[in-house]
Amino acid sequence: MMKEERNDWTKVYYKTLKELETMIDVQKQVKNMMKIVEEANTTMMEMEGSILKASNNNWVITTMNITVVSEDLRYLIQSNMEN
């Protein structure tokens, strides 16, 4: 009877150990996924910053081009009016 009972407890012990190992493995996987998510989030934020910076640069360049064209047109109109 004692041997059978001890075998049952041994089975429970090893089963519990396996379950603990499985939980630890899952925790490690979740931790690794969190690292990957953090890296992806950082990359996305950097990309967003680059896109916004490019957008602002394009806006400035477009505004400058419009100003130059406007000044050129004004100059042409004044030149034609004087002649």
PDB file of N, CA and C in Angstrom:
ATOM      1  N   MET A   1       0.820  -1.197   0.000  1.00  0.00           N
ATOM      2  CA  MET A   1       0.000   0.000   0.000  1.00  0.00           C
ATOM      3  C   MET A   1       0.868   1.266   0.000  1.00  0.00           C
ATOM      4  N   MET A   2       1.917   1.271   0.822  1.00  0.00           N
ATOM      5  CA  MET A   2       2.789   2.440   0.908  1.00  0.00           C
ATOM      6  C   MET A   2       3.514   2.689  -0.414  1.00  0.00           C
ATOM      7  N   LYS A   3       3.960   1.601  -1.015  1.00  0.00           N
ATOM      8  CA  LYS A   3       4.684   1.746  -2.280  1.00  0.00           C
ATOM      9  C   LYS A   3       3.777   2.314  -3.353  1.00  0.00           C
ATOM     10  N   GLU A   4       2.559   1.821  -3.405  1.00  0.00           N
ATOM     11  CA  GLU A   4       1.580   2.317  -4.392  1.00  0.00           C
ATOM     12  C   GLU A   4       1.259   3.790  -4.145  1.00  0.00           C
ATOM     13  N   GLU A   5       1.081   4.152  -2.876  1.00  0.00           N
ATOM     14  CA  GLU A   5       0.801   5.542  -2.525  1.00  0.00           C
ATOM     15  C   GLU A   5       1.993   6.434  -2.878  1.00  0.00           C
ATOM     16  N   ARG A   6       3.206   5.936  -2.610  1.00  0.00           N
ATOM     17  CA  ARG A   6       4.407   6.702  -2.935  1.00  0.00           C
ATOM     18  C   ARG A   6       4.525   6.878  -4.448  1.00  0.00           C
ATOM     19  N   ASN A   7       4.192   5.866  -5.205  1.00  0.00           N
ATOM     20  CA  ASN A   7       4.222   5.957  -6.678  1.00  0.00           C
ATOM     21  C   ASN A   7       3.228   7.003  -7.172  1.00  0.00           C
ATOM     22  N   ASP A   8       2.066   7.052  -6.535  1.00  0.00           N
ATOM     23  CA  ASP A   8       1.061   8.053  -6.913  1.00  0.00           C
ATOM     24  C   ASP A   8       1.596   9.463  -6.648  1.00  0.00           C
ATOM     25  N   TRP A   9       2.210   9.660  -5.478  1.00  0.00           N
ATOM     26  CA  TRP A   9       2.755  10.986  -5.157  1.00  0.00           C
ATOM     27  C   TRP A   9       3.918  11.353  -6.083  1.00  0.00           C
ATOM     28  N   THR A  10       4.678  10.349  -6.454  1.00  0.00           N
ATOM     29  CA  THR A  10       5.795  10.587  -7.389  1.00  0.00           C
ATOM     30  C   THR A  10       5.248  11.032  -8.734  1.00  0.00           C
ATOM     31  N   LYS A  11       4.197  10.387  -9.187  1.00  0.00           N
ATOM     32  CA  LYS A  11       3.563  10.775 -10.458  1.00  0.00           C
ATOM     33  C   LYS A  11       3.033  12.200 -10.385  1.00  0.00           C
ATOM     34  N   VAL A  12       2.381  12.524  -9.270  1.00  0.00           N
ATOM     35  CA  VAL A  12       1.845  13.870  -9.076  1.00  0.00           C
ATOM     36  C   VAL A  12       2.990  14.884  -9.060  1.00  0.00           C
ATOM     37  N   TYR A  13       4.072  14.531  -8.371  1.00  0.00           N
ATOM     38  CA  TYR A  13       5.237  15.425  -8.278  1.00  0.00           C
ATOM     39  C   TYR A  13       5.804  15.710  -9.673  1.00  0.00           C
ATOM     40  N   TYR A  14       6.048  14.672 -10.469  1.00  0.00           N
ATOM     41  CA  TYR A  14       6.620  14.864 -11.790  1.00  0.00           C
ATOM     42  C   TYR A  14       5.650  15.566 -12.740  1.00  0.00           C
ATOM     43  N   LYS A  15       4.382  15.263 -12.588  1.00  0.00           N
ATOM     44  CA  LYS A  15       3.377  15.964 -13.400  1.00  0.00           C
ATOM     45  C   LYS A  15       3.369  17.454 -13.057  1.00  0.00           C
ATOM     46  N   THR A  16       3.450  17.757 -11.761  1.00  0.00           N
ATOM     47  CA  THR A  16       3.479  19.153 -11.320  1.00  0.00           C
ATOM     48  C   THR A  16       4.739  19.841 -11.849  1.00  0.00           C
ATOM     49  N   LEU A  17       5.874  19.170 -11.797  1.00  0.00           N
ATOM     50  CA  LEU A  17       7.118  19.732 -12.332  1.00  0.00           C
ATOM     51  C   LEU A  17       6.994  20.039 -13.824  1.00  0.00           C
ATOM     52  N   LYS A  18       6.428  19.111 -14.560  1.00  0.00           N
ATOM     53  CA  LYS A  18       6.237  19.338 -16.001  1.00  0.00           C
ATOM     54  C   LYS A  18       5.319  20.534 -16.253  1.00  0.00           C
ATOM     55  N   GLU A  19       4.263  20.649 -15.485  1.00  0.00           N
ATOM     56  CA  GLU A  19       3.345  21.777 -15.635  1.00  0.00           C
ATOM     57  C   GLU A  19       4.045  23.094 -15.303  1.00  0.00           C
ATOM     58  N   LEU A  20       4.886  23.073 -14.259  1.00  0.00           N
ATOM     59  CA  LEU A  20       5.644  24.273 -13.908  1.00  0.00           C
ATOM     60  C   LEU A  20       6.615  24.645 -15.028  1.00  0.00           C
ATOM     61  N   GLU A  21       7.282  23.664 -15.596  1.00  0.00           N
ATOM     62  CA  GLU A  21       8.196  23.914 -16.714  1.00  0.00           C
ATOM     63  C   GLU A  21       7.436  24.518 -17.891  1.00  0.00           C
ATOM     64  N   THR A  22       6.257  23.994 -18.141  1.00  0.00           N
ATOM     65  CA  THR A  22       5.440  24.512 -19.231  1.00  0.00           C
ATOM     66  C   THR A  22       5.051  25.959 -18.964  1.00  0.00           C
ATOM     67  N   MET A  23       4.659  26.263 -17.720  1.00  0.00           N
ATOM     68  CA  MET A  23       4.291  27.639 -17.383  1.00  0.00           C
ATOM     69  C   MET A  23       5.491  28.573 -17.527  1.00  0.00           C
ATOM     70  N   ILE A  24       6.670  28.112 -17.105  1.00  0.00           N
ATOM     71  CA  ILE A  24       7.880  28.929 -17.234  1.00  0.00           C
ATOM     72  C   ILE A  24       8.189  29.182 -18.707  1.00  0.00           C
ATOM     73  N   ASP A  25       8.044  28.151 -19.543  1.00  0.00           N
ATOM     74  CA  ASP A  25       8.272  28.311 -20.979  1.00  0.00           C
ATOM     75  C   ASP A  25       7.301  29.324 -21.586  1.00  0.00           C
ATOM     76  N   VAL A  26       6.047  29.239 -21.183  1.00  0.00           N
ATOM     77  CA  VAL A  26       5.045  30.181 -21.690  1.00  0.00           C
ATOM     78  C   VAL A  26       5.387  31.603 -21.241  1.00  0.00           C
ATOM     79  N   GLN A  27       5.804  31.760 -19.986  1.00  0.00           N
ATOM     80  CA  GLN A  27       6.199  33.078 -19.485  1.00  0.00           C
ATOM     81  C   GLN A  27       7.378  33.633 -20.284  1.00  0.00           C
ATOM     82  N   LYS A  28       8.363  32.775 -20.601  1.00  0.00           N
ATOM     83  CA  LYS A  28       9.506  33.202 -21.409  1.00  0.00           C
ATOM     84  C   LYS A  28       9.047  33.638 -22.800  1.00  0.00           C
ATOM     85  N   GLN A  29       8.127  32.875 -23.394  1.00  0.00           N
ATOM     86  CA  GLN A  29       7.622  33.226 -24.723  1.00  0.00           C
ATOM     87  C   GLN A  29       6.881  34.554 -24.694  1.00  0.00           C
ATOM     88  N   VAL A  30       6.082  34.768 -23.658  1.00  0.00           N
ATOM     89  CA  VAL A  30       5.346  36.034 -23.535  1.00  0.00           C
ATOM     90  C   VAL A  30       6.328  37.186 -23.360  1.00  0.00           C
ATOM     91  N   LYS A  31       7.357  36.980 -22.547  1.00  0.00           N
ATOM     92  CA  LYS A  31       8.372  38.010 -22.332  1.00  0.00           C
ATOM     93  C   LYS A  31       9.081  38.341 -23.650  1.00  0.00           C
ATOM     94  N   ASN A  32       9.421  37.324 -24.419  1.00  0.00           N
ATOM     95  CA  ASN A  32      10.052  37.538 -25.729  1.00  0.00           C
ATOM     96  C   ASN A  32       9.121  38.275 -26.686  1.00  0.00           C
ATOM     97  N   MET A  33       7.846  37.915 -26.658  1.00  0.00           N
ATOM     98  CA  MET A  33       6.875  38.607 -27.515  1.00  0.00           C
ATOM     99  C   MET A  33       6.761  40.070 -27.120  1.00  0.00           C
ATOM    100  N   MET A  34       6.796  40.345 -25.824  1.00  0.00           N
ATOM    101  CA  MET A  34       6.717  41.734 -25.364  1.00  0.00           C
ATOM    102  C   MET A  34       7.919  42.539 -25.853  1.00  0.00           C
ATOM    103  N   LYS A  35       9.095  41.917 -25.855  1.00  0.00           N
ATOM    104  CA  LYS A  35      10.287  42.595 -26.374  1.00  0.00           C
ATOM    105  C   LYS A  35      10.109  42.902 -27.854  1.00  0.00           C
ATOM    106  N   ILE A  36       9.598  41.952 -28.597  1.00  0.00           N
ATOM    107  CA  ILE A  36       9.385  42.140 -30.039  1.00  0.00           C
ATOM    108  C   ILE A  36       8.366  43.247 -30.271  1.00  0.00           C
ATOM    109  N   VAL A  37       7.301  43.253 -29.478  1.00  0.00           N
ATOM    110  CA  VAL A  37       6.268  44.289 -29.611  1.00  0.00           C
ATOM    111  C   VAL A  37       6.853  45.664 -29.293  1.00  0.00           C
ATOM    112  N   GLU A  38       7.688  45.754 -28.257  1.00  0.00           N
ATOM    113  CA  GLU A  38       8.320  47.030 -27.912  1.00  0.00           C
ATOM    114  C   GLU A  38       9.208  47.518 -29.057  1.00  0.00           C
ATOM    115  N   GLU A  39       9.989  46.601 -29.641  1.00  0.00           N
ATOM    116  CA  GLU A  39      10.867  46.971 -30.751  1.00  0.00           C
ATOM    117  C   GLU A  39      10.045  47.424 -31.954  1.00  0.00           C
ATOM    118  N   ALA A  40       8.969  46.702 -32.243  1.00  0.00           N
ATOM    119  CA  ALA A  40       8.108  47.078 -33.365  1.00  0.00           C
ATOM    120  C   ALA A  40       7.475  48.441 -33.114  1.00  0.00           C
ATOM    121  N   ASN A  41       7.047  48.688 -31.890  1.00  0.00           N
ATOM    122  CA  ASN A  41       6.441  49.970 -31.540  1.00  0.00           C
ATOM    123  C   ASN A  41       7.442  51.106 -31.711  1.00  0.00           C
ATOM    124  N   THR A  42       8.678  50.882 -31.262  1.00  0.00           N
ATOM    125  CA  THR A  42       9.725  51.893 -31.413  1.00  0.00           C
ATOM    126  C   THR A  42       9.985  52.174 -32.888  1.00  0.00           C
ATOM    127  N   THR A  43      10.064  51.121 -33.687  1.00  0.00           N
ATOM    128  CA  THR A  43      10.290  51.277 -35.127  1.00  0.00           C
ATOM    129  C   THR A  43       9.149  52.051 -35.769  1.00  0.00           C
ATOM    130  N   MET A  44       7.918  51.733 -35.377  1.00  0.00           N
ATOM    131  CA  MET A  44       6.766  52.441 -35.941  1.00  0.00           C
ATOM    132  C   MET A  44       6.788  53.917 -35.559  1.00  0.00           C
ATOM    133  N   MET A  45       7.174  54.214 -34.319  1.00  0.00           N
ATOM    134  CA  MET A  45       7.237  55.606 -33.895  1.00  0.00           C
ATOM    135  C   MET A  45       8.321  56.354 -34.671  1.00  0.00           C
ATOM    136  N   GLU A  46       9.454  55.693 -34.920  1.00  0.00           N
ATOM    137  CA  GLU A  46      10.523  56.313 -35.705  1.00  0.00           C
ATOM    138  C   GLU A  46      10.052  56.567 -37.134  1.00  0.00           C
ATOM    139  N   MET A  47       9.332  55.592 -37.698  1.00  0.00           N
ATOM    140  CA  MET A  47       8.805  55.761 -39.057  1.00  0.00           C
ATOM    141  C   MET A  47       7.815  56.912 -39.106  1.00  0.00           C
ATOM    142  N   GLU A  48       6.952  56.990 -38.109  1.00  0.00           N
ATOM    143  CA  GLU A  48       5.970  58.074 -38.052  1.00  0.00           C
ATOM    144  C   GLU A  48       6.680  59.430 -37.996  1.00  0.00           C
ATOM    145  N   GLY A  49       7.730  59.498 -37.180  1.00  0.00           N
ATOM    146  CA  GLY A  49       8.500  60.735 -37.086  1.00  0.00           C
ATOM    147  C   GLY A  49       9.129  61.101 -38.420  1.00  0.00           C
ATOM    148  N   SER A  50       9.673  60.113 -39.104  1.00  0.00           N
ATOM    149  CA  SER A  50      10.286  60.362 -40.416  1.00  0.00           C
ATOM    150  C   SER A  50       9.251  60.841 -41.425  1.00  0.00           C
ATOM    151  N   ILE A  51       8.088  60.226 -41.404  1.00  0.00           N
ATOM    152  CA  ILE A  51       7.016  60.609 -42.339  1.00  0.00           C
ATOM    153  C   ILE A  51       6.563  62.035 -42.050  1.00  0.00           C
ATOM    154  N   LEU A  52       6.377  62.358 -40.772  1.00  0.00           N
ATOM    155  CA  LEU A  52       5.951  63.718 -40.416  1.00  0.00           C
ATOM    156  C   LEU A  52       7.012  64.740 -40.803  1.00  0.00           C
ATOM    157  N   LYS A  53       8.278  64.390 -40.574  1.00  0.00           N
ATOM    158  CA  LYS A  53       9.368  65.295 -40.927  1.00  0.00           C
ATOM    159  C   LYS A  53       9.407  65.513 -42.436  1.00  0.00           C
ATOM    160  N   ALA A  54       9.273  64.436 -43.216  1.00  0.00           N
ATOM    161  CA  ALA A  54       9.259  64.548 -44.672  1.00  0.00           C
ATOM    162  C   ALA A  54       8.067  65.379 -45.128  1.00  0.00           C
ATOM    163  N   SER A  55       6.920  65.159 -44.489  1.00  0.00           N
ATOM    164  CA  SER A  55       5.715  65.909 -44.837  1.00  0.00           C
ATOM    165  C   SER A  55       5.925  67.396 -44.570  1.00  0.00           C
ATOM    166  N   ASN A  56       6.500  67.722 -43.414  1.00  0.00           N
ATOM    167  CA  ASN A  56       6.769  69.130 -43.084  1.00  0.00           C
ATOM    168  C   ASN A  56       7.772  69.740 -44.059  1.00  0.00           C
ATOM    169  N   ASN A  57       8.813  68.971 -44.396  1.00  0.00           N
ATOM    170  CA  ASN A  57       9.799  69.460 -45.357  1.00  0.00           C
ATOM    171  C   ASN A  57       9.156  69.723 -46.719  1.00  0.00           C
ATOM    172  N   ASN A  58       8.294  68.815 -47.155  1.00  0.00           N
ATOM    173  CA  ASN A  58       7.604  68.999 -48.435  1.00  0.00           C
ATOM    174  C   ASN A  58       6.702  70.225 -48.392  1.00  0.00           C
ATOM    175  N   TRP A  59       6.039  70.433 -47.260  1.00  0.00           N
ATOM    176  CA  TRP A  59       5.167  71.594 -47.113  1.00  0.00           C
ATOM    177  C   TRP A  59       5.980  72.877 -47.225  1.00  0.00           C
ATOM    178  N   VAL A  60       7.135  72.918 -46.568  1.00  0.00           N
ATOM    179  CA  VAL A  60       7.993  74.101 -46.605  1.00  0.00           C
ATOM    180  C   VAL A  60       8.493  74.342 -48.022  1.00  0.00           C
ATOM    181  N   ILE A  61       8.953  73.279 -48.680  1.00  0.00           N
ATOM    182  CA  ILE A  61       9.463  73.423 -50.048  1.00  0.00           C
ATOM    183  C   ILE A  61       8.352  73.899 -50.982  1.00  0.00           C
ATOM    184  N   THR A  62       7.162  73.326 -50.857  1.00  0.00           N
ATOM    185  CA  THR A  62       6.034  73.733 -51.702  1.00  0.00           C
ATOM    186  C   THR A  62       5.688  75.198 -51.464  1.00  0.00           C
ATOM    187  N   THR A  63       5.670  75.602 -50.194  1.00  0.00           N
ATOM    188  CA  THR A  63       5.374  77.004 -49.862  1.00  0.00           C
ATOM    189  C   THR A  63       6.431  77.925 -50.461  1.00  0.00           C
ATOM    190  N   MET A  64       7.689  77.535 -50.352  1.00  0.00           N
ATOM    191  CA  MET A  64       8.767  78.345 -50.922  1.00  0.00           C
ATOM    192  C   MET A  64       8.628  78.433 -52.440  1.00  0.00           C
ATOM    193  N   ASN A  65       8.288  77.325 -53.082  1.00  0.00           N
ATOM    194  CA  ASN A  65       8.115  77.324 -54.546  1.00  0.00           C
ATOM    195  C   ASN A  65       6.966  78.237 -54.955  1.00  0.00           C
ATOM    196  N   ILE A  66       5.883  78.182 -54.219  1.00  0.00           N
ATOM    197  CA  ILE A  66       4.736  79.046 -54.535  1.00  0.00           C
ATOM    198  C   ILE A  66       5.131  80.510 -54.371  1.00  0.00           C
ATOM    199  N   THR A  67       5.884  80.797 -53.318  1.00  0.00           N
ATOM    200  CA  THR A  67       6.335  82.179 -53.087  1.00  0.00           C
ATOM    201  C   THR A  67       7.232  82.656 -54.233  1.00  0.00           C
ATOM    202  N   VAL A  68       8.155  81.804 -54.655  1.00  0.00           N
ATOM    203  CA  VAL A  68       9.057  82.166 -55.757  1.00  0.00           C
ATOM    204  C   VAL A  68       8.265  82.393 -57.040  1.00  0.00           C
ATOM    205  N   VAL A  69       7.333  81.520 -57.344  1.00  0.00           N
ATOM    206  CA  VAL A  69       6.517  81.673 -58.552  1.00  0.00           C
ATOM    207  C   VAL A  69       5.704  82.963 -58.468  1.00  0.00           C
ATOM    208  N   SER A  70       5.148  83.236 -57.298  1.00  0.00           N
ATOM    209  CA  SER A  70       4.372  84.457 -57.113  1.00  0.00           C
ATOM    210  C   SER A  70       5.243  85.695 -57.330  1.00  0.00           C
ATOM    211  N   GLU A  71       6.454  85.665 -56.764  1.00  0.00           N
ATOM    212  CA  GLU A  71       7.365  86.804 -56.952  1.00  0.00           C
ATOM    213  C   GLU A  71       7.763  86.949 -58.426  1.00  0.00           C
ATOM    214  N   ASP A  72       8.018  85.835 -59.092  1.00  0.00           N
ATOM    215  CA  ASP A  72       8.365  85.879 -60.520  1.00  0.00           C
ATOM    216  C   ASP A  72       7.217  86.462 -61.344  1.00  0.00           C
ATOM    217  N   LEU A  73       6.004  86.034 -61.034  1.00  0.00           N
ATOM    218  CA  LEU A  73       4.839  86.568 -61.760  1.00  0.00           C
ATOM    219  C   LEU A  73       4.686  88.069 -61.508  1.00  0.00           C
ATOM    220  N   ARG A  74       4.852  88.479 -60.268  1.00  0.00           N
ATOM    221  CA  ARG A  74       4.756  89.894 -59.925  1.00  0.00           C
ATOM    222  C   ARG A  74       5.816  90.691 -60.714  1.00  0.00           C
ATOM    223  N   TYR A  75       7.025  90.174 -60.777  1.00  0.00           N
ATOM    224  CA  TYR A  75       8.104  90.836 -61.496  1.00  0.00           C
ATOM    225  C   TYR A  75       7.755  90.928 -62.991  1.00  0.00           C
ATOM    226  N   LEU A  76       7.257  89.829 -63.543  1.00  0.00           N
ATOM    227  CA  LEU A  76       6.900  89.841 -64.970  1.00  0.00           C
ATOM    228  C   LEU A  76       5.784  90.842 -65.267  1.00  0.00           C
ATOM    229  N   ILE A  77       4.805  90.888 -64.387  1.00  0.00           N
ATOM    230  CA  ILE A  77       3.689  91.824 -64.583  1.00  0.00           C
ATOM    231  C   ILE A  77       4.200  93.264 -64.511  1.00  0.00           C
ATOM    232  N   GLN A  78       5.041  93.540 -63.524  1.00  0.00           N
ATOM    233  CA  GLN A  78       5.570  94.907 -63.390  1.00  0.00           C
ATOM    234  C   GLN A  78       6.452  95.261 -64.594  1.00  0.00           C
ATOM    235  N   SER A  79       7.229  94.317 -65.055  1.00  0.00           N
ATOM    236  CA  SER A  79       8.088  94.579 -66.218  1.00  0.00           C
ATOM    237  C   SER A  79       7.269  94.871 -67.448  1.00  0.00           C
ATOM    238  N   ASN A  80       6.208  94.121 -67.636  1.00  0.00           N
ATOM    239  CA  ASN A  80       5.350  94.314 -68.815  1.00  0.00           C
ATOM    240  C   ASN A  80       4.571  95.622 -68.722  1.00  0.00           C
ATOM    241  N   MET A  81       4.219  96.007 -67.503  1.00  0.00           N
ATOM    242  CA  MET A  81       3.473  97.248 -67.341  1.00  0.00           C
ATOM    243  C   MET A  81       4.382  98.455 -67.609  1.00  0.00           C
ATOM    244  N   GLU A  82       5.661  98.342 -67.309  1.00  0.00           N
ATOM    245  CA  GLU A  82       6.587  99.439 -67.512  1.00  0.00           C
ATOM    246  C   GLU A  82       6.943  99.588 -68.992  1.00  0.00           C
ATOM    247  N   ASN A  83       6.867  98.507 -69.737  1.00  0.00           N
ATOM    248  CA  ASN A  83       7.223  98.553 -71.168  1.00  0.00           C
ATOM    249  C   ASN A  83       6.013  98.888 -71.964  1.00  0.00           C
TER     250      ASN A  83
END
